[in-house]
PDB file of N, CA and C in Angstrom:
ATOM      1  N   MET A   1      68.289  48.296 -51.049  1.00  0.00           N
ATOM      2  CA  MET A   1      66.972  48.909 -51.013  1.00  0.00           C
ATOM      3  C   MET A   1      66.757  49.531 -49.628  1.00  0.00           C
ATOM      4  N   PRO A   2      66.199  50.751 -49.573  1.00  0.00           N
ATOM      5  CA  PRO A   2      65.958  51.385 -48.278  1.00  0.00           C
ATOM      6  C   PRO A   2      64.951  50.591 -47.462  1.00  0.00           C
ATOM      7  N   THR A   3      65.096  50.654 -46.153  1.00  0.00           N
ATOM      8  CA  THR A   3      64.169  49.957 -45.272  1.00  0.00           C
ATOM      9  C   THR A   3      63.418  50.954 -44.407  1.00  0.00           C
ATOM     10  N   PRO A   4      62.145  50.665 -44.110  1.00  0.00           N
ATOM     11  CA  PRO A   4      61.385  51.559 -43.241  1.00  0.00           C
ATOM     12  C   PRO A   4      61.987  51.574 -41.839  1.00  0.00           C
ATOM     13  N   SER A   5      61.997  52.728 -41.210  1.00  0.00           N
ATOM     14  CA  SER A   5      62.504  52.805 -39.838  1.00  0.00           C
ATOM     15  C   SER A   5      61.366  52.477 -38.878  1.00  0.00           C
ATOM     16  N   ARG A   6      61.710  52.198 -37.622  1.00  0.00           N
ATOM     17  CA  ARG A   6      60.709  51.852 -36.619  1.00  0.00           C
ATOM     18  C   ARG A   6      59.956  53.081 -36.130  1.00  0.00           C
ATOM     19  N   GLN A   7      60.603  54.228 -36.101  1.00  0.00           N
ATOM     20  CA  GLN A   7      59.951  55.459 -35.699  1.00  0.00           C
ATOM     21  C   GLN A   7      59.606  56.265 -36.944  1.00  0.00           C
ATOM     22  N   ALA A   8      58.534  57.020 -36.853  1.00  0.00           N
ATOM     23  CA  ALA A   8      58.126  57.831 -37.999  1.00  0.00           C
ATOM     24  C   ALA A   8      59.200  58.872 -38.298  1.00  0.00           C
ATOM     25  N   PRO A   9      59.640  58.954 -39.537  1.00  0.00           N
ATOM     26  CA  PRO A   9      60.621  59.960 -39.907  1.00  0.00           C
ATOM     27  C   PRO A   9      60.075  61.372 -39.708  1.00  0.00           C
ATOM     28  N   LYS A  10      60.979  62.313 -39.544  1.00  0.00           N
ATOM     29  CA  LYS A  10      60.578  63.700 -39.282  1.00  0.00           C
ATOM     30  C   LYS A  10      59.652  64.259 -40.351  1.00  0.00           C
ATOM     31  N   GLN A  11      59.894  63.929 -41.620  1.00  0.00           N
ATOM     32  CA  GLN A  11      59.040  64.493 -42.664  1.00  0.00           C
ATOM     33  C   GLN A  11      57.597  64.009 -42.526  1.00  0.00           C
ATOM     34  N   VAL A  12      57.400  62.815 -41.994  1.00  0.00           N
ATOM     35  CA  VAL A  12      56.046  62.295 -41.777  1.00  0.00           C
ATOM     36  C   VAL A  12      55.394  63.020 -40.608  1.00  0.00           C
ATOM     37  N   THR A  13      56.092  63.113 -39.489  1.00  0.00           N
ATOM     38  CA  THR A  13      55.502  63.760 -38.312  1.00  0.00           C
ATOM     39  C   THR A  13      55.267  65.248 -38.545  1.00  0.00           C
ATOM     40  N   LYS A  14      56.131  65.883 -39.337  1.00  0.00           N
ATOM     41  CA  LYS A  14      55.930  67.305 -39.654  1.00  0.00           C
ATOM     42  C   LYS A  14      54.655  67.505 -40.465  1.00  0.00           C
ATOM     43  N   LYS A  15      54.394  66.615 -41.409  1.00  0.00           N
ATOM     44  CA  LYS A  15      53.184  66.719 -42.224  1.00  0.00           C
ATOM     45  C   LYS A  15      51.942  66.450 -41.389  1.00  0.00           C
ATOM     46  N   ILE A  16      52.009  65.467 -40.503  1.00  0.00           N
ATOM     47  CA  ILE A  16      50.870  65.162 -39.633  1.00  0.00           C
ATOM     48  C   ILE A  16      50.581  66.360 -38.733  1.00  0.00           C
ATOM     49  N   ALA A  17      51.621  66.932 -38.138  1.00  0.00           N
ATOM     50  CA  ALA A  17      51.454  68.094 -37.257  1.00  0.00           C
ATOM     51  C   ALA A  17      50.831  69.265 -38.014  1.00  0.00           C
ATOM     52  N   ALA A  18      51.333  69.522 -39.208  1.00  0.00           N
ATOM     53  CA  ALA A  18      50.808  70.629 -40.013  1.00  0.00           C
ATOM     54  C   ALA A  18      49.348  70.389 -40.398  1.00  0.00           C
ATOM     55  N   ASN A  19      49.017  69.147 -40.738  1.00  0.00           N
ATOM     56  CA  ASN A  19      47.639  68.823 -41.102  1.00  0.00           C
ATOM     57  C   ASN A  19      46.691  69.009 -39.922  1.00  0.00           C
ATOM     58  N   LEU A  20      47.101  68.552 -38.745  1.00  0.00           N
ATOM     59  CA  LEU A  20      46.259  68.709 -37.556  1.00  0.00           C
ATOM     60  C   LEU A  20      46.027  70.184 -37.250  1.00  0.00           C
ATOM     61  N   LYS A  21      47.084  70.963 -37.286  1.00  0.00           N
ATOM     62  CA  LYS A  21      46.976  72.390 -36.988  1.00  0.00           C
ATOM     63  C   LYS A  21      46.073  73.090 -38.002  1.00  0.00           C
ATOM     64  N   ARG A  22      46.254  72.783 -39.278  1.00  0.00           N
ATOM     65  CA  ARG A  22      45.436  73.388 -40.332  1.00  0.00           C
ATOM     66  C   ARG A  22      43.961  73.039 -40.149  1.00  0.00           C
ATOM     67  N   MET A  23      43.679  71.759 -39.896  1.00  0.00           N
ATOM     68  CA  MET A  23      42.289  71.335 -39.726  1.00  0.00           C
ATOM     69  C   MET A  23      41.646  71.991 -38.508  1.00  0.00           C
ATOM     70  N   ARG A  24      42.415  72.105 -37.422  1.00  0.00           N
ATOM     71  CA  ARG A  24      41.875  72.751 -36.219  1.00  0.00           C
ATOM     72  C   ARG A  24      41.562  74.209 -36.490  1.00  0.00           C
ATOM     73  N   ARG A  25      42.493  74.888 -37.137  1.00  0.00           N
ATOM     74  CA  ARG A  25      42.272  76.309 -37.447  1.00  0.00           C
ATOM     75  C   ARG A  25      41.079  76.492 -38.383  1.00  0.00           C
ATOM     76  N   GLU A  26      40.958  75.612 -39.377  1.00  0.00           N
ATOM     77  CA  GLU A  26      39.820  75.683 -40.297  1.00  0.00           C
ATOM     78  C   GLU A  26      38.495  75.486 -39.559  1.00  0.00           C
ATOM     79  N   SER A  27      38.534  74.710 -38.484  1.00  0.00           N
ATOM     80  CA  SER A  27      37.311  74.456 -37.709  1.00  0.00           C
ATOM     81  C   SER A  27      36.969  75.636 -36.801  1.00  0.00           C
ATOM     82  N   GLY A  28      37.951  76.530 -36.583  1.00  0.00           N
ATOM     83  CA  GLY A  28      37.732  77.685 -35.711  1.00  0.00           C
ATOM     84  C   GLY A  28      37.884  77.371 -34.236  1.00  0.00           C
ATOM     85  N   MET A  29      38.428  76.200 -33.917  1.00  0.00           N
ATOM     86  CA  MET A  29      38.608  75.812 -32.511  1.00  0.00           C
ATOM     87  C   MET A  29      39.991  76.174 -31.996  1.00  0.00           C
ATOM     88  N   THR A  30      40.052  76.424 -30.695  1.00  0.00           N
ATOM     89  CA  THR A  30      41.348  76.573 -30.037  1.00  0.00           C
ATOM     90  C   THR A  30      41.862  75.169 -29.716  1.00  0.00           C
ATOM     91  N   GLN A  31      43.128  75.081 -29.339  1.00  0.00           N
ATOM     92  CA  GLN A  31      43.684  73.782 -28.932  1.00  0.00           C
ATOM     93  C   GLN A  31      42.933  73.241 -27.720  1.00  0.00           C
ATOM     94  N   GLU A  32      42.594  74.123 -26.801  1.00  0.00           N
ATOM     95  CA  GLU A  32      41.894  73.711 -25.582  1.00  0.00           C
ATOM     96  C   GLU A  32      40.487  73.198 -25.892  1.00  0.00           C
ATOM     97  N   GLN A  33      39.791  73.891 -26.794  1.00  0.00           N
ATOM     98  CA  GLN A  33      38.445  73.445 -27.180  1.00  0.00           C
ATOM     99  C   GLN A  33      38.490  72.082 -27.857  1.00  0.00           C
ATOM    100  N   LEU A  34      39.432  71.918 -28.758  1.00  0.00           N
ATOM    101  CA  LEU A  34      39.548  70.636 -29.457  1.00  0.00           C
ATOM    102  C   LEU A  34      39.885  69.515 -28.487  1.00  0.00           C
ATOM    103  N   ALA A  35      40.805  69.769 -27.573  1.00  0.00           N
ATOM    104  CA  ALA A  35      41.174  68.744 -26.587  1.00  0.00           C
ATOM    105  C   ALA A  35      39.957  68.324 -25.763  1.00  0.00           C
ATOM    106  N   ALA A  36      39.156  69.300 -25.342  1.00  0.00           N
ATOM    107  CA  ALA A  36      37.973  68.990 -24.535  1.00  0.00           C
ATOM    108  C   ALA A  36      36.960  68.168 -25.330  1.00  0.00           C
ATOM    109  N   ILE A  37      36.710  68.540 -26.568  1.00  0.00           N
ATOM    110  CA  ILE A  37      35.738  67.813 -27.393  1.00  0.00           C
ATOM    111  C   ILE A  37      36.244  66.417 -27.735  1.00  0.00           C
ATOM    112  N   ALA A  38      37.545  66.308 -28.009  1.00  0.00           N
ATOM    113  CA  ALA A  38      38.126  65.012 -28.379  1.00  0.00           C
ATOM    114  C   ALA A  38      38.353  64.114 -27.168  1.00  0.00           C
ATOM    115  N   GLY A  39      38.326  64.689 -25.982  1.00  0.00           N
ATOM    116  CA  GLY A  39      38.557  63.894 -24.771  1.00  0.00           C
ATOM    117  C   GLY A  39      40.012  63.537 -24.560  1.00  0.00           C
ATOM    118  N   VAL A  40      40.907  64.424 -24.988  1.00  0.00           N
ATOM    119  CA  VAL A  40      42.343  64.217 -24.784  1.00  0.00           C
ATOM    120  C   VAL A  40      42.876  65.318 -23.895  1.00  0.00           C
ATOM    121  N   SER A  41      44.012  65.077 -23.256  1.00  0.00           N
ATOM    122  CA  SER A  41      44.530  66.048 -22.304  1.00  0.00           C
ATOM    123  C   SER A  41      45.107  67.293 -22.970  1.00  0.00           C
ATOM    124  N   SER A  42      45.714  67.134 -24.133  1.00  0.00           N
ATOM    125  CA  SER A  42      46.322  68.284 -24.802  1.00  0.00           C
ATOM    126  C   SER A  42      46.463  68.019 -26.294  1.00  0.00           C
ATOM    127  N   VAL A  43      46.324  69.062 -27.061  1.00  0.00           N
ATOM    128  CA  VAL A  43      46.523  68.987 -28.501  1.00  0.00           C
ATOM    129  C   VAL A  43      47.836  69.682 -28.873  1.00  0.00           C
ATOM    130  N   LYS A  44      48.299  70.558 -27.990  1.00  0.00           N
ATOM    131  CA  LYS A  44      49.483  71.375 -28.262  1.00  0.00           C
ATOM    132  C   LYS A  44      50.703  70.543 -28.648  1.00  0.00           C
ATOM    133  N   MET A  45      51.035  69.550 -27.861  1.00  0.00           N
ATOM    134  CA  MET A  45      52.236  68.747 -28.138  1.00  0.00           C
ATOM    135  C   MET A  45      52.052  67.879 -29.386  1.00  0.00           C
ATOM    136  N   ILE A  46      50.845  67.448 -29.648  1.00  0.00           N
ATOM    137  CA  ILE A  46      50.598  66.650 -30.845  1.00  0.00           C
ATOM    138  C   ILE A  46      50.796  67.510 -32.084  1.00  0.00           C
ATOM    139  N   GLU A  47      50.293  68.763 -32.024  1.00  0.00           N
ATOM    140  CA  GLU A  47      50.492  69.675 -33.144  1.00  0.00           C
ATOM    141  C   GLU A  47      51.972  70.026 -33.312  1.00  0.00           C
ATOM    142  N   LYS A  48      52.698  70.032 -32.225  1.00  0.00           N
ATOM    143  CA  LYS A  48      54.128  70.367 -32.294  1.00  0.00           C
ATOM    144  C   LYS A  48      54.947  69.188 -32.814  1.00  0.00           C
ATOM    145  N   ARG A  49      54.679  67.994 -32.290  1.00  0.00           N
ATOM    146  CA  ARG A  49      55.469  66.804 -32.642  1.00  0.00           C
ATOM    147  C   ARG A  49      54.905  66.018 -33.812  1.00  0.00           C
ATOM    148  N   GLY A  50      53.586  66.023 -33.944  1.00  0.00           N
ATOM    149  CA  GLY A  50      52.955  65.248 -35.011  1.00  0.00           C
ATOM    150  C   GLY A  50      52.901  63.768 -34.728  1.00  0.00           C
ATOM    151  N   SER A  51      53.108  63.404 -33.477  1.00  0.00           N
ATOM    152  CA  SER A  51      53.039  61.978 -33.157  1.00  0.00           C
ATOM    153  C   SER A  51      52.113  61.758 -31.961  1.00  0.00           C
ATOM    154  N   ALA A  52      51.317  60.713 -32.088  1.00  0.00           N
ATOM    155  CA  ALA A  52      50.390  60.320 -31.029  1.00  0.00           C
ATOM    156  C   ALA A  52      49.897  58.926 -31.365  1.00  0.00           C
ATOM    157  N   GLU A  53      49.333  58.274 -30.389  1.00  0.00           N
ATOM    158  CA  GLU A  53      48.755  56.962 -30.641  1.00  0.00           C
ATOM    159  C   GLU A  53      47.602  57.121 -31.635  1.00  0.00           C
ATOM    160  N   ILE A  54      47.390  56.112 -32.422  1.00  0.00           N
ATOM    161  CA  ILE A  54      46.373  56.163 -33.469  1.00  0.00           C
ATOM    162  C   ILE A  54      44.986  56.440 -32.898  1.00  0.00           C
ATOM    163  N   GLY A  55      44.701  55.931 -31.716  1.00  0.00           N
ATOM    164  CA  GLY A  55      43.398  56.182 -31.084  1.00  0.00           C
ATOM    165  C   GLY A  55      43.195  57.652 -30.750  1.00  0.00           C
ATOM    166  N   ILE A  56      44.253  58.313 -30.356  1.00  0.00           N
ATOM    167  CA  ILE A  56      44.174  59.744 -30.050  1.00  0.00           C
ATOM    168  C   ILE A  56      43.974  60.534 -31.339  1.00  0.00           C
ATOM    169  N   LEU A  57      44.720  60.179 -32.376  1.00  0.00           N
ATOM    170  CA  LEU A  57      44.538  60.850 -33.665  1.00  0.00           C
ATOM    171  C   LEU A  57      43.110  60.656 -34.169  1.00  0.00           C
ATOM    172  N   TYR A  58      42.580  59.458 -33.973  1.00  0.00           N
ATOM    173  CA  TYR A  58      41.204  59.173 -34.384  1.00  0.00           C
ATOM    174  C   TYR A  58      40.220  60.058 -33.620  1.00  0.00           C
ATOM    175  N   SER A  59      40.401  60.173 -32.311  1.00  0.00           N
ATOM    176  CA  SER A  59      39.505  61.004 -31.494  1.00  0.00           C
ATOM    177  C   SER A  59      39.551  62.461 -31.938  1.00  0.00           C
ATOM    178  N   ILE A  60      40.734  62.936 -32.247  1.00  0.00           N
ATOM    179  CA  ILE A  60      40.890  64.330 -32.665  1.00  0.00           C
ATOM    180  C   ILE A  60      40.233  64.562 -34.029  1.00  0.00           C
ATOM    181  N   THR A  61      40.503  63.682 -34.975  1.00  0.00           N
ATOM    182  CA  THR A  61      39.905  63.879 -36.300  1.00  0.00           C
ATOM    183  C   THR A  61      38.390  63.733 -36.248  1.00  0.00           C
ATOM    184  N   ARG A  62      37.917  62.850 -35.409  1.00  0.00           N
ATOM    185  CA  ARG A  62      36.462  62.693 -35.259  1.00  0.00           C
ATOM    186  C   ARG A  62      35.853  63.973 -34.681  1.00  0.00           C
ATOM    187  N   ALA A  63      36.515  64.572 -33.693  1.00  0.00           N
ATOM    188  CA  ALA A  63      36.028  65.827 -33.107  1.00  0.00           C
ATOM    189  C   ALA A  63      36.027  66.955 -34.141  1.00  0.00           C
ATOM    190  N   LEU A  64      36.924  66.851 -35.109  1.00  0.00           N
ATOM    191  CA  LEU A  64      36.994  67.852 -36.179  1.00  0.00           C
ATOM    192  C   LEU A  64      36.029  67.541 -37.331  1.00  0.00           C
ATOM    193  N   GLY A  65      35.381  66.385 -37.249  1.00  0.00           N
ATOM    194  CA  GLY A  65      34.460  65.979 -38.307  1.00  0.00           C
ATOM    195  C   GLY A  65      35.170  65.549 -39.577  1.00  0.00           C
ATOM    196  N   ARG A  66      36.370  65.052 -39.409  1.00  0.00           N
ATOM    197  CA  ARG A  66      37.188  64.650 -40.560  1.00  0.00           C
ATOM    198  C   ARG A  66      37.550  63.173 -40.425  1.00  0.00           C
ATOM    199  N   PRO A  67      37.846  62.506 -41.539  1.00  0.00           N
ATOM    200  CA  PRO A  67      38.290  61.112 -41.461  1.00  0.00           C
ATOM    201  C   PRO A  67      39.726  61.042 -40.944  1.00  0.00           C
ATOM    202  N   LEU A  68      40.078  59.939 -40.342  1.00  0.00           N
ATOM    203  CA  LEU A  68      41.438  59.742 -39.841  1.00  0.00           C
ATOM    204  C   LEU A  68      42.469  59.944 -40.947  1.00  0.00           C
ATOM    205  N   ALA A  69      42.139  59.527 -42.147  1.00  0.00           N
ATOM    206  CA  ALA A  69      43.076  59.651 -43.276  1.00  0.00           C
ATOM    207  C   ALA A  69      43.494  61.094 -43.532  1.00  0.00           C
ATOM    208  N   ALA A  70      42.693  62.056 -43.097  1.00  0.00           N
ATOM    209  CA  ALA A  70      43.010  63.462 -43.342  1.00  0.00           C
ATOM    210  C   ALA A  70      44.325  63.891 -42.693  1.00  0.00           C
ATOM    211  N   VAL A  71      44.709  63.262 -41.573  1.00  0.00           N
ATOM    212  CA  VAL A  71      45.976  63.656 -40.934  1.00  0.00           C
ATOM    213  C   VAL A  71      47.175  63.199 -41.746  1.00  0.00           C
ATOM    214  N   PHE A  72      46.965  62.238 -42.643  1.00  0.00           N
ATOM    215  CA  PHE A  72      48.058  61.724 -43.464  1.00  0.00           C
ATOM    216  C   PHE A  72      48.097  62.351 -44.854  1.00  0.00           C
ATOM    217  N   GLU A  73      47.283  63.380 -45.065  1.00  0.00           N
ATOM    218  CA  GLU A  73      47.241  64.067 -46.352  1.00  0.00           C
ATOM    219  C   GLU A  73      48.636  64.578 -46.719  1.00  0.00           C
ATOM    220  N   GLY A  74      49.083  64.247 -47.906  1.00  0.00           N
ATOM    221  CA  GLY A  74      50.394  64.702 -48.364  1.00  0.00           C
ATOM    222  C   GLY A  74      51.550  63.802 -47.965  1.00  0.00           C
ATOM    223  N   VAL A  75      51.301  62.803 -47.130  1.00  0.00           N
ATOM    224  CA  VAL A  75      52.347  61.855 -46.737  1.00  0.00           C
ATOM    225  C   VAL A  75      52.453  60.804 -47.832  1.00  0.00           C
ATOM    226  N   THR A  76      53.659  60.571 -48.307  1.00  0.00           N
ATOM    227  CA  THR A  76      53.870  59.582 -49.358  1.00  0.00           C
ATOM    228  C   THR A  76      54.653  58.400 -48.809  1.00  0.00           C
ATOM    229  N   PRO A  77      54.630  57.269 -49.501  1.00  0.00           N
ATOM    230  CA  PRO A  77      55.423  56.125 -49.043  1.00  0.00           C
ATOM    231  C   PRO A  77      56.914  56.462 -48.940  1.00  0.00           C
ATOM    232  N   TYR A  78      57.375  57.383 -49.769  1.00  0.00           N
ATOM    233  CA  TYR A  78      58.782  57.756 -49.738  1.00  0.00           C
ATOM    234  C   TYR A  78      59.149  58.520 -48.476  1.00  0.00           C
ATOM    235  N   ASP A  79      58.168  59.185 -47.869  1.00  0.00           N
ATOM    236  CA  ASP A  79      58.416  59.901 -46.612  1.00  0.00           C
ATOM    237  C   ASP A  79      58.721  58.930 -45.476  1.00  0.00           C
ATOM    238  N   ALA A  80      58.178  57.726 -45.564  1.00  0.00           N
ATOM    239  CA  ALA A  80      58.296  56.755 -44.492  1.00  0.00           C
ATOM    240  C   ALA A  80      59.476  55.822 -44.651  1.00  0.00           C
ATOM    241  N   VAL A  81      60.370  56.108 -45.578  1.00  0.00           N
ATOM    242  CA  VAL A  81      61.538  55.257 -45.807  1.00  0.00           C
ATOM    243  C   VAL A  81      62.796  56.020 -45.422  1.00  0.00           C
ATOM    244  N   ASP A  82      63.619  55.352 -44.660  1.00  0.00           N
ATOM    245  CA  ASP A  82      64.897  55.930 -44.266  1.00  0.00           C
ATOM    246  C   ASP A  82      65.912  55.595 -45.353  1.00  0.00           C
ATOM    247  N   ALA A  83      66.233  56.528 -46.198  1.00  0.00           N
ATOM    248  CA  ALA A  83      67.110  56.304 -47.348  1.00  0.00           C
ATOM    249  C   ALA A  83      68.557  56.036 -46.952  1.00  0.00           C
ATOM    250  N   LYS A  84      68.924  56.272 -45.709  1.00  0.00           N
ATOM    251  CA  LYS A  84      70.318  56.077 -45.272  1.00  0.00           C
ATOM    252  C   LYS A  84      70.653  54.608 -45.055  1.00  0.00           C
ATOM    253  N   LYS A  85      69.652  53.760 -44.904  1.00  0.00           N
ATOM    254  CA  LYS A  85      69.927  52.354 -44.614  1.00  0.00           C
ATOM    255  C   LYS A  85      70.113  51.561 -45.876  1.00  0.00           C
TER     256      LYS A  85
END
């Protein structure tokens, strides 16, 4: 049976990054504006990598007026399993 890996697999981080970017664009904010409102130093690398501490993701989604769960939209349990193990 496959086992979950310790680091988020690429398909998970890619979906998170895409969701963050889409939500920001839908809000009409620039990366700099969102970072300032969320109280984080940068949004650019998070949108590129799709990984950040949960507290940072929470701050960003709150600044966007969205629930934290929105960044995980489209992520399935199968995305988080490393099938090679």
